[in-house]
Protein backbone atom coordinates (compact mmCIF):
# COMPACT_ATOMS: atom_id res chain seq x y z
CA MET A 1 0.00 0.00 0.00
CA LYS A 2 1.39 3.35 -1.01
CA THR A 3 1.03 6.80 0.49
CA ASP A 4 2.12 10.20 -0.77
CA ARG A 5 4.40 10.77 2.17
CA LYS A 6 5.94 8.69 4.88
CA LEU A 7 3.83 8.46 8.05
CA PRO A 8 5.14 8.16 11.61
CA PRO A 9 5.57 4.50 12.67
CA VAL A 10 2.45 4.34 14.85
CA LEU A 11 0.24 6.03 12.27
CA GLY A 12 1.76 3.89 9.55
CA LEU A 13 0.90 0.74 11.49
CA LEU A 14 -2.69 1.90 12.02
CA TYR A 15 -2.97 2.92 8.38
CA THR A 16 -1.67 -0.41 7.10
CA HIS A 17 -3.66 -2.77 9.31
CA ASN A 18 -6.68 -0.50 9.85
CA PRO A 19 -8.07 -1.88 13.13
CA PHE A 20 -10.95 0.58 13.15
CA TYR A 21 -13.37 -1.91 11.58
CA LEU A 22 -12.84 -4.16 14.59
CA LEU A 23 -13.13 -1.24 17.04
CA SER A 24 -16.35 -0.13 15.36
CA THR A 25 -17.77 -3.63 15.69
CA CYS A 26 -16.91 -3.80 19.39
CA PHE A 27 -18.60 -0.46 20.09
CA VAL A 28 -21.70 -1.43 18.12
CA LEU A 29 -21.99 -4.79 19.86
CA TYR A 30 -21.64 -3.14 23.24
CA ALA A 31 -24.35 -0.63 22.37
CA ILE A 32 -26.71 -3.36 21.17
CA LYS A 33 -26.08 -5.39 24.32
CA ARG A 34 -26.91 -2.39 26.50
CA ALA A 35 -30.01 -1.56 24.50
CA PHE A 36 -31.41 -5.10 24.66
CA GLN A 37 -30.34 -5.89 28.21
CA PRO A 38 -33.13 -7.54 30.22
CA GLY A 39 -34.71 -5.03 32.56
CA VAL A 40 -34.47 -2.12 30.14
CA ALA A 41 -37.96 -2.89 28.90
CA GLU A 42 -40.77 -5.13 30.07
CA TYR A 43 -40.58 -7.19 26.89
CA LEU A 44 -37.71 -7.51 24.48
CA ASP A 45 -38.55 -8.70 20.99
CA PRO A 46 -35.79 -11.12 19.90
CA TRP A 47 -36.45 -10.23 16.26
CA ASP A 48 -35.59 -6.62 16.97
CA LEU A 49 -32.25 -7.78 18.37
CA MET A 50 -31.75 -9.99 15.31
CA ALA A 51 -32.54 -7.08 12.99
CA SER A 52 -29.98 -4.87 14.72
CA LEU A 53 -27.23 -7.49 14.49
CA THR A 54 -27.94 -8.54 10.91
CA THR A 55 -28.11 -4.95 9.70
CA PHE A 56 -24.59 -4.20 10.90
CA THR A 57 -23.40 -7.57 9.54
CA LEU A 58 -24.80 -6.74 6.09
CA LEU A 59 -23.12 -3.34 6.25
CA ALA A 60 -19.76 -5.04 6.94
CA ALA A 61 -20.32 -7.55 4.14
CA VAL A 62 -21.17 -4.86 1.58
CA THR A 63 -18.15 -2.84 2.71
CA ALA A 64 -15.86 -5.81 2.17
CA TRP A 65 -17.26 -6.33 -1.34
CA VAL A 66 -16.86 -2.66 -2.27
CA VAL A 67 -13.34 -2.42 -0.80
CA VAL A 68 -12.12 -5.39 -2.83
CA ARG A 69 -14.06 -5.00 -6.09
CA PHE A 70 -13.42 -1.30 -6.53
CA GLY A 71 -10.37 -0.58 -4.36
CA LYS A 72 -8.49 -3.90 -4.40
CA VAL A 73 -7.60 -3.23 -0.74
CA TRP A 74 -7.25 -6.82 0.41
CA GLU A 75 -5.47 -5.79 3.63
CA ASP A 76 -8.62 -4.04 4.88
CA ALA A 77 -10.82 -6.78 3.46
CA ARG A 78 -9.11 -9.33 5.71
CA SER A 79 -10.07 -7.32 8.80
CA ILE A 80 -13.63 -6.93 7.55
CA LEU A 81 -14.01 -10.65 6.86
CA LEU A 82 -12.86 -11.45 10.40
CA VAL A 83 -15.37 -8.87 11.62
CA LEU A 84 -18.06 -10.80 9.73
CA VAL A 85 -17.12 -14.00 11.52
CA LEU A 86 -17.16 -12.09 14.81
CA MET A 87 -20.67 -10.88 14.01
CA PHE A 88 -21.84 -14.42 13.22
CA LEU A 89 -20.57 -15.58 16.61
CA ALA A 90 -22.02 -12.50 18.32
CA ILE A 91 -25.44 -13.31 16.88
CA SER A 92 -25.27 -16.82 18.37
CA VAL A 93 -24.19 -15.51 21.78
CA SER A 94 -26.45 -12.46 22.06
CA PHE A 95 -29.61 -14.47 22.75
CA ASP A 96 -28.38 -16.25 25.89
CA GLU A 97 -30.15 -13.99 28.35
CA LEU A 98 -33.30 -13.78 26.25
CA LEU A 99 -33.31 -17.56 25.95
CA ASN A 100 -33.60 -17.83 29.71
CA LEU A 101 -36.51 -15.35 29.69
CA HIS A 102 -38.42 -16.29 26.54
CA SER A 103 -37.31 -19.82 25.73
CA THR A 104 -40.13 -20.52 23.28
CA LYS A 105 -39.41 -17.46 21.16
CA ILE A 106 -35.64 -17.80 20.62
CA ALA A 107 -35.26 -21.02 18.64
CA GLY A 108 -36.62 -19.32 15.51
CA PRO A 109 -34.24 -16.34 15.60
CA LEU A 110 -31.26 -18.63 16.25
CA ALA A 111 -32.15 -20.83 13.27
CA PHE A 112 -32.57 -17.71 11.16
CA GLY A 113 -29.21 -16.41 12.39
CA PHE A 114 -27.44 -19.57 11.25
CA CYS A 115 -29.06 -19.51 7.82
CA PHE A 116 -28.26 -15.81 7.53
CA SER A 117 -24.59 -16.48 8.40
CA VAL A 118 -24.32 -19.19 5.76
CA LEU A 119 -25.97 -17.05 3.09
CA VAL A 120 -23.79 -14.03 3.81
CA THR A 121 -20.67 -16.20 3.75
CA GLU A 122 -21.62 -17.74 0.42
CA ALA A 123 -22.44 -14.31 -1.03
CA ILE A 124 -19.06 -12.93 0.02
CA LEU A 125 -17.14 -15.95 -1.30
CA ARG A 126 -18.90 -15.81 -4.65
CA GLY A 127 -18.93 -12.02 -4.90
CA LEU A 128 -15.19 -11.74 -4.23
CA ARG A 129 -14.40 -14.96 -6.14
CA ILE A 130 -12.66 -16.48 -3.13
CA ARG A 131 -12.01 -20.21 -3.42
CA PHE A 132 -12.78 -21.79 -0.06
CA PRO A 133 -12.52 -25.58 -0.58
CA ALA A 134 -15.14 -27.94 0.79
CA ALA A 135 -12.73 -29.62 3.22
CA PHE A 136 -12.43 -26.23 4.96
CA ARG A 137 -15.93 -24.91 4.28
CA ILE A 138 -17.85 -27.85 5.75
CA PRO A 139 -16.06 -27.77 9.16
CA PHE A 140 -16.54 -23.98 9.23
CA TYR A 141 -20.29 -24.28 8.73
CA LEU A 142 -20.52 -27.12 11.23
CA MET A 143 -18.72 -24.96 13.78
CA LEU A 144 -21.21 -22.13 13.15
CA ALA A 145 -24.07 -24.60 13.53
CA LEU A 146 -22.62 -25.72 16.86
CA PHE A 147 -22.49 -22.13 18.11
CA PHE A 148 -26.09 -21.44 17.12
CA ALA A 149 -27.60 -24.76 18.27
CA TYR A 150 -25.82 -25.27 21.56
CA PRO A 151 -27.60 -22.53 23.57
CA VAL A 152 -30.93 -24.28 22.94
CA PHE A 153 -29.33 -27.64 23.77
CA VAL A 154 -28.09 -26.48 27.19
CA SER A 155 -30.76 -24.01 28.27
CA PRO A 156 -32.60 -25.46 31.29
CA GLU A 157 -35.62 -23.35 30.32
CA VAL A 158 -35.88 -25.25 27.04
CA THR A 159 -34.69 -28.73 28.02
CA GLU A 160 -36.08 -28.74 31.60
CA LEU A 161 -32.96 -30.60 32.70
CA SER A 162 -31.52 -30.57 36.20
CA ALA A 163 -28.52 -28.44 37.09
CA THR A 164 -26.17 -31.43 36.96
CA GLU A 165 -27.42 -32.56 33.55
CA THR A 166 -27.07 -29.01 32.24
CA ARG A 167 -23.48 -28.84 33.47
CA TRP A 168 -22.67 -32.10 31.70
CA ARG A 169 -23.92 -30.62 28.45
CA ILE A 170 -21.97 -27.42 29.00
CA ALA A 171 -18.82 -29.44 29.68
CA SER A 172 -19.38 -31.35 26.43
CA PHE A 173 -19.24 -28.23 24.24
CA PRO A 174 -15.41 -28.14 23.82
CA ALA A 175 -15.41 -31.88 23.08
CA CYS A 176 -18.03 -31.38 20.36
CA ALA A 177 -16.01 -28.48 18.94
CA GLY A 178 -12.92 -30.68 18.99
CA ALA A 179 -14.73 -33.42 17.07
CA VAL A 180 -15.77 -30.89 14.41
CA SER A 181 -12.22 -29.54 14.25
CA LEU A 182 -10.82 -32.99 13.50
CA LEU A 183 -12.73 -32.91 10.20
CA LEU A 184 -10.06 -30.45 9.08
CA LEU A 185 -7.66 -33.40 8.86
CA PHE A 186 -8.99 -34.05 5.36
CA ALA A 187 -7.88 -30.56 4.33
CA VAL A 188 -4.56 -30.82 6.17
CA ARG A 189 -3.67 -34.03 4.34
CA ARG A 190 -4.15 -32.22 1.01
CA GLY A 191 -1.32 -29.83 1.90
CA ALA A 192 -0.75 -26.17 1.14
CA ALA A 193 -1.36 -26.77 -2.57
CA TYR A 194 -5.03 -27.32 -1.75
CA VAL A 195 -5.49 -23.54 -1.27
CA ALA A 196 -2.68 -22.30 -3.50
CA ASP A 197 -5.06 -20.76 -6.04
CA ASN A 198 -7.65 -19.22 -3.70
CA GLY A 199 -8.47 -15.97 -5.51
CA THR A 200 -6.80 -13.73 -2.90
CA PRO A 201 -3.25 -12.43 -2.35
CA TRP A 202 -3.16 -14.35 0.93
CA ARG A 203 -1.06 -17.50 1.02
CA TRP A 204 -0.99 -20.53 3.24
CA PRO A 205 -1.03 -20.57 6.29
CA TRP A 206 -2.60 -17.12 6.59
CA PHE A 207 -5.40 -18.37 4.39
CA PRO A 208 -7.42 -20.08 5.67
CA TRP A 209 -5.89 -20.90 9.05
CA THR A 210 -6.32 -17.36 10.42
CA LEU A 211 -10.07 -18.01 10.34
CA PHE A 212 -9.82 -21.24 12.31
CA VAL A 213 -7.43 -19.78 14.87
CA PHE A 214 -10.04 -17.08 15.41
CA LEU A 215 -12.72 -19.77 15.84
CA ALA A 216 -10.51 -21.68 18.27
CA ALA A 217 -10.25 -18.63 20.52
CA ALA A 218 -14.02 -18.23 20.24
CA VAL A 219 -14.58 -21.86 21.32
CA CYS A 220 -12.53 -21.32 24.48
CA ALA A 221 -14.39 -18.12 25.35
CA ARG A 222 -17.78 -19.67 24.56
CA SER A 223 -17.07 -22.65 26.80
CA TYR A 224 -16.85 -20.31 29.77
CA SER A 225 -19.76 -18.07 28.75
CA LEU A 226 -22.09 -21.06 28.47
CA SER A 227 -21.42 -21.83 32.13
CA ILE A 228 -22.13 -18.24 33.10
CA SER A 229 -25.33 -18.03 31.05
CA PHE A 230 -26.99 -21.38 31.64
CA ASP A 231 -25.78 -22.83 34.94
CA THR A 232 -28.95 -22.61 37.02
CA SER A 233 -27.03 -22.48 40.31
CA VAL A 234 -25.27 -19.28 39.40
CA GLY A 235 -28.10 -16.86 40.09
CA LEU A 236 -26.95 -13.40 39.08
CA VAL A 237 -24.51 -13.43 36.19
CA THR A 238 -22.32 -10.89 37.94
CA GLU A 239 -21.36 -13.50 40.54
CA MET A 240 -19.21 -15.30 37.95
CA ASN A 241 -19.49 -18.61 39.83
CA SER A 242 -19.81 -21.66 37.61
CA ALA A 243 -18.83 -25.30 37.17
CA PHE A 244 -16.35 -24.33 34.49
CA GLY A 245 -12.81 -25.64 34.87
CA GLY A 246 -9.75 -25.56 32.66
CA TYR A 247 -10.14 -29.29 32.08
CA PHE A 248 -13.28 -28.54 30.01
CA LEU A 249 -10.95 -27.27 27.25
CA VAL A 250 -8.60 -30.26 27.16
CA PRO A 251 -10.51 -32.27 24.49
CA PHE A 252 -10.67 -29.29 22.14
CA LEU A 253 -7.05 -28.31 22.66
CA LEU A 254 -5.95 -31.91 22.16
CA ALA A 255 -7.80 -31.95 18.84
CA ALA A 256 -5.96 -28.74 17.93
CA MET A 257 -2.67 -30.47 18.78
CA VAL A 258 -3.55 -33.29 16.39
CA LEU A 259 -4.20 -30.79 13.61
CA LEU A 260 -0.96 -28.92 14.26
CA LEU A 261 0.96 -32.20 14.36
CA GLU A 262 -0.47 -33.25 11.01
CA ILE A 263 0.36 -29.86 9.51
CA GLY A 264 3.94 -30.24 10.72
CA ILE A 265 4.17 -33.72 9.21
CA VAL A 266 2.54 -32.91 5.86
CA GLU A 267 4.38 -29.61 5.36
CA GLN A 268 7.65 -30.98 6.80
CA LEU A 269 7.97 -28.39 9.54
CA PRO A 270 10.20 -29.95 12.25
CA ARG A 271 9.98 -26.93 14.55
CA LEU A 272 6.20 -27.14 14.56
CA ARG A 273 6.30 -30.86 15.28
CA ASN A 274 8.75 -30.38 18.14
CA GLY A 275 6.69 -27.53 19.53
CA VAL A 276 3.56 -29.68 19.50
CA MET A 277 5.38 -32.51 21.28
CA ALA A 278 6.46 -30.11 24.04
CA ALA A 279 3.21 -28.14 24.32
CA ALA A 280 0.91 -31.18 24.45
CA GLY A 281 2.32 -32.23 27.82
CA LEU A 282 1.25 -28.90 29.30
CA LEU A 283 -2.38 -30.00 29.03
CA VAL A 284 -1.78 -32.01 32.21
CA LEU A 285 -1.35 -28.73 34.08
CA LEU A 286 -4.58 -27.42 32.58
CA ALA A 287 -6.39 -30.50 33.89
CA VAL A 288 -5.41 -29.80 37.51
CA PRO A 289 -8.37 -28.09 39.26
CA LEU A 290 -7.46 -24.67 40.64
CA ARG A 291 -10.77 -23.09 41.67
CA THR A 292 -11.16 -25.22 44.78
CA GLY A 293 -12.89 -22.41 46.66
CA ASP A 294 -15.88 -22.27 44.29
CA PRO A 295 -18.58 -24.64 45.64
CA THR A 296 -20.29 -24.95 42.25
CA HIS A 297 -17.03 -25.91 40.57
CA ALA A 298 -16.08 -28.30 43.39
CA ALA A 299 -19.46 -30.04 43.31
CA PHE A 300 -19.39 -30.72 39.59
CA LEU A 301 -15.74 -31.79 39.75
CA ALA A 302 -16.69 -34.41 42.33
CA THR A 303 -19.56 -35.60 40.12
CA PHE A 304 -17.30 -35.65 37.07
CA THR A 305 -14.65 -37.71 38.89
CA ALA A 306 -17.16 -40.16 40.33
CA THR A 307 -18.88 -40.67 36.96
CA LEU A 308 -15.88 -40.85 34.61
CA ALA A 309 -12.53 -40.29 36.31
CA SER A 310 -10.47 -37.34 37.43
CA PRO A 311 -9.58 -34.79 34.72
CA VAL A 312 -5.88 -35.42 35.36
CA PHE A 313 -6.24 -39.17 34.81
CA LEU A 314 -8.30 -38.73 31.63
CA THR A 315 -5.84 -36.16 30.28
CA VAL A 316 -2.80 -38.36 30.94
CA SER A 317 -4.58 -41.29 29.26
CA ALA A 318 -5.52 -39.16 26.24
CA LEU A 319 -1.99 -37.80 25.95
CA LEU A 320 -0.60 -41.32 26.08
CA ALA A 321 -2.78 -42.17 23.08
CA PHE A 322 -1.72 -38.93 21.36
CA TYR A 323 1.99 -39.60 21.80
CA LEU A 324 1.51 -43.20 20.68
CA TYR A 325 -0.21 -41.91 17.53
CA SER A 326 2.66 -39.45 17.01
CA TRP A 327 5.18 -42.26 17.42
CA LEU A 328 3.40 -44.37 14.81
CA ARG A 329 3.51 -41.33 12.51
CA GLY A 330 7.29 -41.25 12.91
CA VAL A 331 7.51 -38.00 14.90
CA ARG A 332 10.78 -37.48 16.69
CA GLY A 333 10.30 -36.90 20.40
CA ALA A 334 7.10 -38.93 20.63
CA GLU A 335 8.89 -41.73 22.49
CA ALA A 336 9.88 -39.28 25.23
CA GLY A 337 6.23 -38.27 25.51
CA ILE A 338 5.13 -41.90 25.79
CA ALA A 339 7.71 -42.50 28.51
CA ALA A 340 6.63 -39.39 30.42
CA MET A 341 2.94 -40.34 30.28
CA LEU A 342 3.67 -43.91 31.36
CA LEU A 343 5.64 -42.62 34.34
CA LEU A 344 2.69 -40.39 35.23
CA CYS A 345 0.32 -43.33 34.85
CA SER A 346 2.32 -45.15 37.54
CA VAL A 347 1.23 -42.58 40.16
CA VAL A 348 -1.94 -41.07 38.63
CA GLY A 349 -5.18 -42.93 39.22
CA PRO A 350 -8.87 -42.34 38.45
CA ALA A 351 -9.22 -40.30 41.65
CA THR A 352 -6.04 -38.21 41.29
CA ARG A 353 -6.75 -34.47 41.16
CA ASN A 354 -3.46 -33.01 42.34
CA LEU A 355 -0.17 -33.92 44.02
CA ALA A 356 -1.95 -34.63 47.31
CA THR A 357 -4.07 -37.39 45.75
CA LEU A 358 -1.41 -39.38 43.89
CA THR A 359 -1.92 -43.14 44.05
CA GLU A 360 0.39 -45.91 45.18
CA PRO A 361 2.94 -46.69 42.44
CA GLN A 362 1.48 -48.97 39.77
CA LEU A 363 3.64 -51.66 38.14
CA TRP A 364 2.06 -52.04 34.69
CA PRO A 365 3.41 -48.73 33.27
CA TRP A 366 6.94 -49.77 34.17
CA ALA A 367 6.39 -53.15 32.51
CA VAL A 368 5.08 -51.52 29.31
CA LEU A 369 7.89 -48.96 29.24
CA GLY A 370 10.54 -51.59 29.90
CA GLY A 371 9.18 -53.87 27.18
CA MET A 372 9.09 -51.00 24.68
CA GLN A 373 12.67 -49.97 25.47
CA PHE A 374 13.85 -53.58 25.29
CA VAL A 375 12.37 -54.07 21.82
CA LEU A 376 13.81 -50.77 20.61
CA ALA A 377 17.22 -51.63 22.08
CA ILE A 378 17.35 -54.82 20.02
CA HIS A 379 15.89 -53.24 16.89
CA ARG A 380 18.14 -50.17 16.92
CA ARG A 381 21.17 -51.66 18.65
CA SER A 382 21.02 -48.95 21.28
CA SER A 383 22.84 -49.35 24.58
CA VAL A 384 20.98 -46.36 26.03
CA ARG A 385 17.60 -48.00 25.42
CA GLY A 386 18.89 -51.28 26.77
CA PHE A 387 19.90 -49.57 29.99
CA ALA A 388 16.52 -47.77 30.12
CA ALA A 389 14.79 -51.14 29.84
CA SER A 390 16.93 -52.42 32.71
CA VAL A 391 15.98 -49.47 34.90
CA CYS A 392 12.29 -50.17 34.20
CA ILE A 393 12.69 -53.85 35.09
CA ALA A 394 14.51 -52.97 38.31
CA ALA A 395 11.78 -50.48 39.23
CA LEU A 396 9.18 -53.14 38.46
CA LEU A 397 10.85 -55.61 40.79
CA THR A 398 10.77 -53.17 43.69
CA GLY A 399 6.97 -53.46 43.76
CA VAL A 400 6.76 -57.26 43.54
CA GLU A 401 5.45 -58.97 46.65
CA TRP A 402 7.96 -61.48 48.02
CA SER A 403 7.17 -64.48 50.20
CA PRO A 404 8.20 -64.08 53.87
CA GLY A 405 10.91 -66.73 53.57
CA ILE A 406 12.97 -64.78 51.03
CA ALA A 407 11.83 -61.24 51.82
CA VAL A 408 15.32 -60.38 53.07
CA TRP A 409 16.50 -60.41 49.44
CA GLN A 410 13.80 -57.99 48.23
CA THR A 411 15.70 -54.80 49.06
CA TYR A 412 18.82 -55.79 47.17
CA PHE A 413 17.49 -57.92 44.32
CA PRO A 414 16.50 -55.00 41.98
CA ALA A 415 19.96 -53.48 42.43
CA HIS A 416 21.54 -56.79 41.42
CA VAL A 417 19.31 -57.00 38.34
CA LEU A 418 20.29 -53.48 37.35
CA LEU A 419 23.96 -54.25 37.87
CA LEU A 420 23.73 -57.41 35.77
CA ALA A 421 21.99 -55.45 33.04
CA MET A 422 24.75 -52.84 33.08
CA ALA A 423 27.37 -55.58 32.72
CA ALA A 424 25.38 -57.28 29.95
CA THR A 425 25.05 -53.96 28.11
CA GLY A 426 28.81 -53.58 28.21
CA LEU A 427 29.21 -57.08 26.77
CA LEU A 428 26.66 -56.68 23.98
CA PHE A 429 27.51 -53.17 22.79
CA ARG A 430 30.77 -51.40 22.03
CA ASP A 431 29.81 -47.73 22.13
CA PRO A 432 31.18 -45.27 24.75
CA PHE A 433 28.04 -45.42 26.87
CA ALA A 434 28.21 -49.22 27.02
CA ARG A 435 31.87 -49.10 28.08
CA LEU A 436 30.98 -46.61 30.80
CA LEU A 437 28.24 -48.90 32.11
CA SER A 438 30.64 -51.84 32.04
CA ALA A 439 33.21 -49.98 34.14
CA LEU A 440 30.55 -48.76 36.59
CA SER A 441 29.12 -52.24 37.05
CA ALA A 442 32.58 -53.68 37.70
CA ALA A 443 33.36 -50.98 40.26
CA THR A 444 29.99 -51.24 41.98
CA LEU A 445 29.74 -55.02 42.20
CA PRO A 446 32.18 -55.47 45.16
CA VAL A 447 30.45 -52.72 47.15
CA LEU A 448 27.00 -54.20 46.52
CA CYS A 449 28.30 -57.65 47.39
CA LEU A 450 29.72 -56.41 50.71
CA VAL A 451 26.53 -54.51 51.67
CA THR A 452 24.32 -57.48 50.79
CA ALA A 453 26.53 -59.98 52.67
CA LEU A 454 26.46 -57.83 55.82
CA ALA A 455 22.66 -57.46 55.54
CA LEU A 456 22.23 -61.22 55.15
CA GLN A 457 24.48 -61.82 58.13
CA GLY A 458 22.42 -59.38 60.21
CA ALA A 459 19.24 -61.22 59.16
CA ASP A 460 20.62 -64.52 60.52
CA VAL A 461 20.88 -66.12 57.09
CA ALA A 462 22.89 -69.37 57.11
CA GLU A 463 26.64 -68.86 56.64
CA GLY A 464 26.68 -71.37 53.79
CA VAL A 465 24.19 -69.25 51.84
CA ILE A 466 26.29 -66.12 52.36
CA VAL A 467 29.45 -67.92 51.25
CA ALA A 468 27.65 -69.23 48.16
CA TYR A 469 26.41 -65.73 47.36
CA VAL A 470 29.90 -64.21 47.62
CA ALA A 471 31.40 -67.03 45.58
CA GLY A 472 28.71 -66.56 42.90
CA ALA A 473 29.42 -62.82 42.69
CA ALA A 474 33.13 -63.48 42.29
CA ALA A 475 32.45 -66.13 39.63
CA LEU A 476 30.19 -63.69 37.77
CA ALA A 477 32.88 -60.99 37.75
CA ALA A 478 35.46 -63.52 36.58
CA ALA A 479 33.16 -64.71 33.77
CA ALA A 480 32.60 -61.11 32.66
CA TRP A 481 36.36 -60.59 32.57
CA TYR A 482 36.84 -63.79 30.57
CA PHE A 483 34.36 -62.79 27.86
CA ALA A 484 35.01 -59.04 27.77
CA ARG A 485 38.71 -59.06 28.68
CA ASP A 486 38.07 -55.93 30.70
CA ARG A 487 40.57 -55.52 33.55
CA TRP A 488 37.93 -53.78 35.66
CA PHE A 489 36.03 -57.05 36.04
CA LEU A 490 39.22 -58.89 36.95
CA ALA A 491 39.86 -56.29 39.65
CA SER A 492 36.24 -56.67 40.75
CA ALA A 493 36.57 -60.45 41.03
CA ALA A 494 39.80 -60.11 42.97
CA SER A 495 38.22 -57.60 45.35
CA ILE A 496 35.29 -59.89 46.02
CA VAL A 497 37.54 -62.89 46.57
CA LEU A 498 39.85 -60.98 48.86
CA GLY A 499 37.03 -59.31 50.72
CA GLY A 500 34.95 -62.50 51.01
CA GLY A 501 37.97 -64.60 51.83
CA GLY A 502 39.15 -62.05 54.34
CA GLY A 503 35.76 -61.95 56.02
CA ALA A 504 35.49 -65.72 56.12
CA SER A 505 39.06 -66.01 57.36
CA TRP A 506 38.43 -63.49 60.11
CA ALA A 507 35.35 -65.36 61.25
CA ALA A 508 37.29 -68.63 61.17
CA ILE A 509 40.18 -67.09 63.12
CA GLU A 510 37.85 -65.80 65.80
CA ALA A 511 36.19 -69.20 66.10
CA MET A 512 39.57 -70.96 66.29
CA THR A 513 40.88 -68.48 68.85
CA ARG A 514 37.83 -69.02 71.06
CA ARG A 515 38.28 -72.78 70.81
CA LEU A 516 42.08 -73.24 71.02
CA GLY A 517 43.18 -70.04 72.72
CA PRO A 518 45.57 -67.35 71.46
CA GLU A 519 48.72 -69.25 72.53
CA VAL A 520 47.90 -71.92 69.94
CA SER A 521 46.04 -70.02 67.22
CA GLN A 522 48.59 -67.19 66.71
CA PRO A 523 51.63 -69.42 65.91
CA LEU A 524 49.40 -71.59 63.74
CA LEU A 525 48.19 -68.61 61.71
CA SER A 526 51.72 -67.25 61.34
CA GLY A 527 52.86 -70.57 60.00
CA ALA A 528 49.97 -70.71 57.50
CA ALA A 529 50.74 -67.18 56.27
CA CYS A 530 54.41 -67.95 55.76
CA PHE A 531 53.54 -71.12 53.87
CA LEU A 532 51.20 -69.19 51.56
CA ILE A 533 53.88 -66.57 50.83
CA ALA A 534 56.41 -69.23 50.06
CA ALA A 535 54.03 -71.04 47.71
CA LEU A 536 53.27 -67.82 45.80
CA ILE A 537 56.99 -67.09 45.36
CA SER A 538 57.58 -70.59 44.01
CA ALA A 539 54.66 -70.29 41.65
CA HIS A 540 55.95 -66.98 40.31
CA LYS A 541 59.42 -68.47 39.73
CA ALA A 542 57.79 -71.28 37.80
CA GLY A 543 56.04 -68.75 35.50
CA ALA A 544 52.51 -69.51 36.70
CA PHE A 545 51.39 -65.86 36.28
CA ASP A 546 52.97 -65.20 32.88
CA GLY A 547 49.78 -65.91 30.93
CA VAL A 548 47.50 -63.54 32.86
CA ALA A 549 46.22 -60.75 30.56
CA PHE A 550 45.53 -57.35 31.99
CA ARG A 551 44.01 -55.51 29.08
CA ARG A 552 40.71 -53.94 28.03
CA GLY A 553 38.43 -55.81 25.77
CA GLY A 554 38.18 -54.41 22.36
């Protein structure tokens, strides 16, 4: 757009985007609302209200046609077309209060308002030669129909439903809007080329997604206004008490996430896909009830939880399905989302509303996560996933109920499983992470063996069992050294042997001293030590240690 002289930045911005059509609409709507507010007159004719709204809508439509056909000012036309959509939604909302007063006289004006909106839209599209494909047009009209029909569907004056039944219908509005929004998947799959030749200078995504972003904001606002207008427990509207909660919006926003994900996949926009993966998890926070001091909200939340499940539980379950769908679509980062939701499922139950109502840890999410990581570790030859699977298995074992006879092993058994998995990862893989796990397992095994042996001794476990356990740990370390040729495992085996042998020797010495006395046991032990030293020296002279390899496996 050109001007004769350069304008100051602020004036240039106003001149270019021309927000005065929107400001005019807001002032007119406010004036109409004040004029037709209940209490101003004894009887308010709904058709008079409809005439006022449709007259201004027709004025905006004619203005848009003139601006484009004669001035080619598409920048202003975009603002006017959004104003038209705003007027359509305003018509559907403006009859809420009258619907509660004159329920039998409002259905006709609302039906007329919908037909009027469709006719004006078609006239504008044809008059300006705008190509608005059916895969976009049908969801748009269905969304308008939802806005016009839902007030009649939820009004207790029309339906004669109880307060609880009315609240259920109000809570269903975002879910219905989300279902309609998912019809846009047919258009998304067609790609940007579907609207490439649309008869306007606007290009994808500005056309037509600006319209649907505008409708999405309207759905969120309408979800709250329905509670204010039709919840029979509210009384005066100015009280602003209602059953509405942020969790009402989760189904609609999740549908929006699906659309954005598909756009990112079809149009190959990795930043959009990554943003969706990160933002979807925030819906869990939206599902946490915050307005605990509102009795109306608290009462319906309790009914909602008792009938279905808590909003947090339903949201986590829905997000698990969403991330699984994303994973099947090949979206990077979806696996992290699946893992996060499974971890939440382990502590989030049907009655969980916040941190104070978390459940006892559940085992099945750990089993599912471990199985998934195990399969991926084999398929992708990934040591990281193999270790993740081991962590899940160890966590799963911590919740297994043990019989009383072997319960003493329960505390230490998961740690042993994790340590074995670390050693096995080092044997199966050759990447840096696997070598790190191998070294850590070798260094940790003697410490774990010592702690476990002391715990078993304190639990009065038979000495033969403890000796067998220590011998098995040493044999395991030696076997790992034999196959991996990693000196850390040889050092680990030696430490276990020396530590276990030293402990057993000390116990034997104490027993012998108590039985024979120190005057006999001390010379005997000195003689045994000297004999052992002499034998080692002879063995070394004979070359018995020449074949021992102290090297890393490669």
